[in-house]
Amino acid sequence: MSADASPAQTAGTQAAAAGCGAPAGGAALTDAGNQAVVQGLVTKDGSPVGTGYARLLNSDGEFVAEVPLGEDGGFRFFAASGSWTLRVLAPGGVRAEQAVAAATGKVVNLEVAV
């Protein structure tokens, strides 16, 4: 790691080194540009859930993508515009689902309590 690497770059490098191409969690985006962004935090009793996965399901309920939760409980997807279901899976059989509508140029911020 170079001395001028940011913490986000370091986390991404560590995730990639661990065999995953997508960094877990990360700083929240505020400008979607020409993307449709679905991001948020997973919490339990007000504390971040840092172990688990966030999945994105299409309008037919079919699996599209999955990312590991960050240590801060964070997740992010770059999705097509439309209706989606966010499914969170965490240890102990914890599961939560939330409907979400994504739109190009918009950032949707979710807080999912499990």
C-alpha atoms as a PDB file:
ATOM      1  CA  MET A   1       0.000   0.000   0.000  1.00  0.00           C
ATOM      2  CA  SER A   2       1.302   3.430  -0.855  1.00  0.00           C
ATOM      3  CA  ALA A   3       1.578   6.104   1.806  1.00  0.00           C
ATOM      4  CA  ASP A   4      -1.000   8.257  -0.016  1.00  0.00           C
ATOM      5  CA  ALA A   5      -3.682   5.544  -0.344  1.00  0.00           C
ATOM      6  CA  SER A   6      -7.030   6.480   1.150  1.00  0.00           C
ATOM      7  CA  PRO A   7      -8.781   4.210   3.686  1.00  0.00           C
ATOM      8  CA  ALA A   8     -11.373   3.368   1.001  1.00  0.00           C
ATOM      9  CA  GLN A   9      -8.623   2.328  -1.419  1.00  0.00           C
ATOM     10  CA  THR A  10      -7.024   0.271   1.333  1.00  0.00           C
ATOM     11  CA  ALA A  11     -10.319  -1.463   2.163  1.00  0.00           C
ATOM     12  CA  GLY A  12     -10.934  -2.169  -1.523  1.00  0.00           C
ATOM     13  CA  THR A  13      -7.444  -3.591  -1.900  1.00  0.00           C
ATOM     14  CA  GLN A  14      -7.912  -5.788   1.175  1.00  0.00           C
ATOM     15  CA  ALA A  15     -11.276  -7.062  -0.095  1.00  0.00           C
ATOM     16  CA  ALA A  16      -9.815  -7.834  -3.512  1.00  0.00           C
ATOM     17  CA  ALA A  17      -6.874  -9.610  -1.889  1.00  0.00           C
ATOM     18  CA  ALA A  18      -9.338 -11.725   0.089  1.00  0.00           C
ATOM     19  CA  GLY A  19     -10.822 -13.018  -3.182  1.00  0.00           C
ATOM     20  CA  CYS A  20     -13.743 -10.632  -3.629  1.00  0.00           C
ATOM     21  CA  GLY A  21     -13.719  -8.099  -6.441  1.00  0.00           C
ATOM     22  CA  ALA A  22     -16.167  -5.753  -4.716  1.00  0.00           C
ATOM     23  CA  PRO A  23     -15.109  -3.793  -1.647  1.00  0.00           C
ATOM     24  CA  ALA A  24     -17.409  -4.178   1.355  1.00  0.00           C
ATOM     25  CA  GLY A  25     -19.327  -1.106   2.494  1.00  0.00           C
ATOM     26  CA  GLY A  26     -17.594   2.153   1.698  1.00  0.00           C
ATOM     27  CA  ALA A  27     -18.299   5.853   1.971  1.00  0.00           C
ATOM     28  CA  ALA A  28     -21.824   6.861   1.001  1.00  0.00           C
ATOM     29  CA  LEU A  29     -22.311   8.469  -2.407  1.00  0.00           C
ATOM     30  CA  THR A  30     -24.242  11.699  -2.623  1.00  0.00           C
ATOM     31  CA  ASP A  31     -24.172  12.235  -6.414  1.00  0.00           C
ATOM     32  CA  ALA A  32     -25.365   9.389  -8.641  1.00  0.00           C
ATOM     33  CA  GLY A  33     -24.330  11.054 -11.889  1.00  0.00           C
ATOM     34  CA  ASN A  34     -25.868   8.946 -14.672  1.00  0.00           C
ATOM     35  CA  GLN A  35     -26.281   5.900 -12.415  1.00  0.00           C
ATOM     36  CA  ALA A  36     -29.126   4.575 -10.271  1.00  0.00           C
ATOM     37  CA  VAL A  37     -27.627   3.942  -6.826  1.00  0.00           C
ATOM     38  CA  VAL A  38     -29.172   1.923  -3.988  1.00  0.00           C
ATOM     39  CA  GLN A  39     -27.127   2.121  -0.795  1.00  0.00           C
ATOM     40  CA  GLY A  40     -27.606   2.017   2.922  1.00  0.00           C
ATOM     41  CA  LEU A  41     -26.854   0.613   6.326  1.00  0.00           C
ATOM     42  CA  VAL A  42     -27.986  -2.533   8.095  1.00  0.00           C
ATOM     43  CA  THR A  43     -28.492  -2.208  11.846  1.00  0.00           C
ATOM     44  CA  LYS A  44     -29.662  -4.328  14.753  1.00  0.00           C
ATOM     45  CA  ASP A  45     -30.767  -2.576  17.938  1.00  0.00           C
ATOM     46  CA  GLY A  46     -29.156   0.623  16.612  1.00  0.00           C
ATOM     47  CA  SER A  47     -25.721  -0.935  16.018  1.00  0.00           C
ATOM     48  CA  PRO A  48     -24.216  -1.761  12.612  1.00  0.00           C
ATOM     49  CA  VAL A  49     -24.425  -5.341  11.374  1.00  0.00           C
ATOM     50  CA  GLY A  50     -20.974  -5.842   9.864  1.00  0.00           C
ATOM     51  CA  THR A  51     -21.290  -9.525   8.999  1.00  0.00           C
ATOM     52  CA  GLY A  52     -23.682 -10.636   6.302  1.00  0.00           C
ATOM     53  CA  TYR A  53     -24.786  -9.890   2.772  1.00  0.00           C
ATOM     54  CA  ALA A  54     -27.123  -7.572   0.908  1.00  0.00           C
ATOM     55  CA  ARG A  55     -28.813  -9.034  -2.163  1.00  0.00           C
ATOM     56  CA  LEU A  56     -30.665  -7.293  -4.941  1.00  0.00           C
ATOM     57  CA  LEU A  57     -33.644  -9.121  -6.457  1.00  0.00           C
ATOM     58  CA  ASN A  58     -35.463  -8.027  -9.614  1.00  0.00           C
ATOM     59  CA  SER A  59     -39.227  -7.473  -9.882  1.00  0.00           C
ATOM     60  CA  ASP A  60     -39.702 -11.219 -10.492  1.00  0.00           C
ATOM     61  CA  GLY A  61     -37.886 -12.004  -7.226  1.00  0.00           C
ATOM     62  CA  GLU A  62     -34.849 -13.391  -9.059  1.00  0.00           C
ATOM     63  CA  PHE A  63     -31.334 -12.924  -7.684  1.00  0.00           C
ATOM     64  CA  VAL A  64     -29.345 -10.235  -9.526  1.00  0.00           C
ATOM     65  CA  ALA A  65     -26.427  -9.228  -7.289  1.00  0.00           C
ATOM     66  CA  GLU A  66     -24.916  -9.645  -3.831  1.00  0.00           C
ATOM     67  CA  VAL A  67     -22.358  -7.667  -1.821  1.00  0.00           C
ATOM     68  CA  PRO A  68     -20.859  -8.275   1.624  1.00  0.00           C
ATOM     69  CA  LEU A  69     -21.817  -5.793   4.313  1.00  0.00           C
ATOM     70  CA  GLY A  70     -19.060  -3.421   5.381  1.00  0.00           C
ATOM     71  CA  GLU A  71     -17.896  -3.223   8.981  1.00  0.00           C
ATOM     72  CA  ASP A  72     -20.251  -0.245   9.273  1.00  0.00           C
ATOM     73  CA  GLY A  73     -23.181  -2.332   7.973  1.00  0.00           C
ATOM     74  CA  GLY A  74     -22.966  -0.503   4.650  1.00  0.00           C
ATOM     75  CA  PHE A  75     -23.827  -1.754   1.161  1.00  0.00           C
ATOM     76  CA  ARG A  76     -24.124  -0.232  -2.326  1.00  0.00           C
ATOM     77  CA  PHE A  77     -25.565  -1.336  -5.657  1.00  0.00           C
ATOM     78  CA  PHE A  78     -25.494   0.368  -9.048  1.00  0.00           C
ATOM     79  CA  ALA A  79     -28.844  -0.767 -10.441  1.00  0.00           C
ATOM     80  CA  ALA A  80     -31.004  -0.185 -13.471  1.00  0.00           C
ATOM     81  CA  SER A  81     -33.995   2.089 -12.995  1.00  0.00           C
ATOM     82  CA  GLY A  82     -37.029   0.219 -11.737  1.00  0.00           C
ATOM     83  CA  SER A  83     -38.467  -1.748  -8.842  1.00  0.00           C
ATOM     84  CA  TRP A  84     -36.182  -3.951  -6.772  1.00  0.00           C
ATOM     85  CA  THR A  85     -36.207  -5.909  -3.541  1.00  0.00           C
ATOM     86  CA  LEU A  86     -33.277  -5.609  -1.163  1.00  0.00           C
ATOM     87  CA  ARG A  87     -32.734  -8.769   0.894  1.00  0.00           C
ATOM     88  CA  VAL A  88     -30.347  -8.782   3.864  1.00  0.00           C
ATOM     89  CA  LEU A  89     -28.926 -12.050   5.189  1.00  0.00           C
ATOM     90  CA  ALA A  90     -26.937 -12.139   8.434  1.00  0.00           C
ATOM     91  CA  PRO A  91     -25.692 -14.832  10.839  1.00  0.00           C
ATOM     92  CA  GLY A  92     -28.232 -16.545  13.046  1.00  0.00           C
ATOM     93  CA  GLY A  93     -30.840 -16.867  10.305  1.00  0.00           C
ATOM     94  CA  VAL A  94     -31.474 -13.112  10.256  1.00  0.00           C
ATOM     95  CA  ARG A  95     -33.272 -12.035   7.106  1.00  0.00           C
ATOM     96  CA  ALA A  96     -35.004  -8.798   6.128  1.00  0.00           C
ATOM     97  CA  GLU A  97     -36.486  -7.516   2.877  1.00  0.00           C
ATOM     98  CA  GLN A  98     -37.342  -4.037   1.692  1.00  0.00           C
ATOM     99  CA  ALA A  99     -38.852  -2.837  -1.585  1.00  0.00           C
ATOM    100  CA  VAL A 100     -36.951  -0.055  -3.329  1.00  0.00           C
ATOM    101  CA  ALA A 101     -37.415   1.997  -6.492  1.00  0.00           C
ATOM    102  CA  ALA A 102     -34.212   3.026  -8.281  1.00  0.00           C
ATOM    103  CA  ALA A 103     -34.003   5.862 -10.799  1.00  0.00           C
ATOM    104  CA  THR A 104     -31.181   7.093 -13.020  1.00  0.00           C
ATOM    105  CA  GLY A 105     -29.466  10.097 -11.455  1.00  0.00           C
ATOM    106  CA  LYS A 106     -30.802   9.345  -7.974  1.00  0.00           C
ATOM    107  CA  VAL A 107     -29.212   7.909  -4.828  1.00  0.00           C
ATOM    108  CA  VAL A 108     -31.617   5.894  -2.677  1.00  0.00           C
ATOM    109  CA  ASN A 109     -30.458   5.662   0.941  1.00  0.00           C
ATOM    110  CA  LEU A 110     -31.937   2.889   3.055  1.00  0.00           C
ATOM    111  CA  GLU A 111     -31.630   1.887   6.688  1.00  0.00           C
ATOM    112  CA  VAL A 112     -32.576  -1.729   7.188  1.00  0.00           C
ATOM    113  CA  ALA A 113     -33.202  -2.822  10.764  1.00  0.00           C
ATOM    114  CA  VAL A 114     -32.920  -6.566  11.349  1.00  0.00           C
END
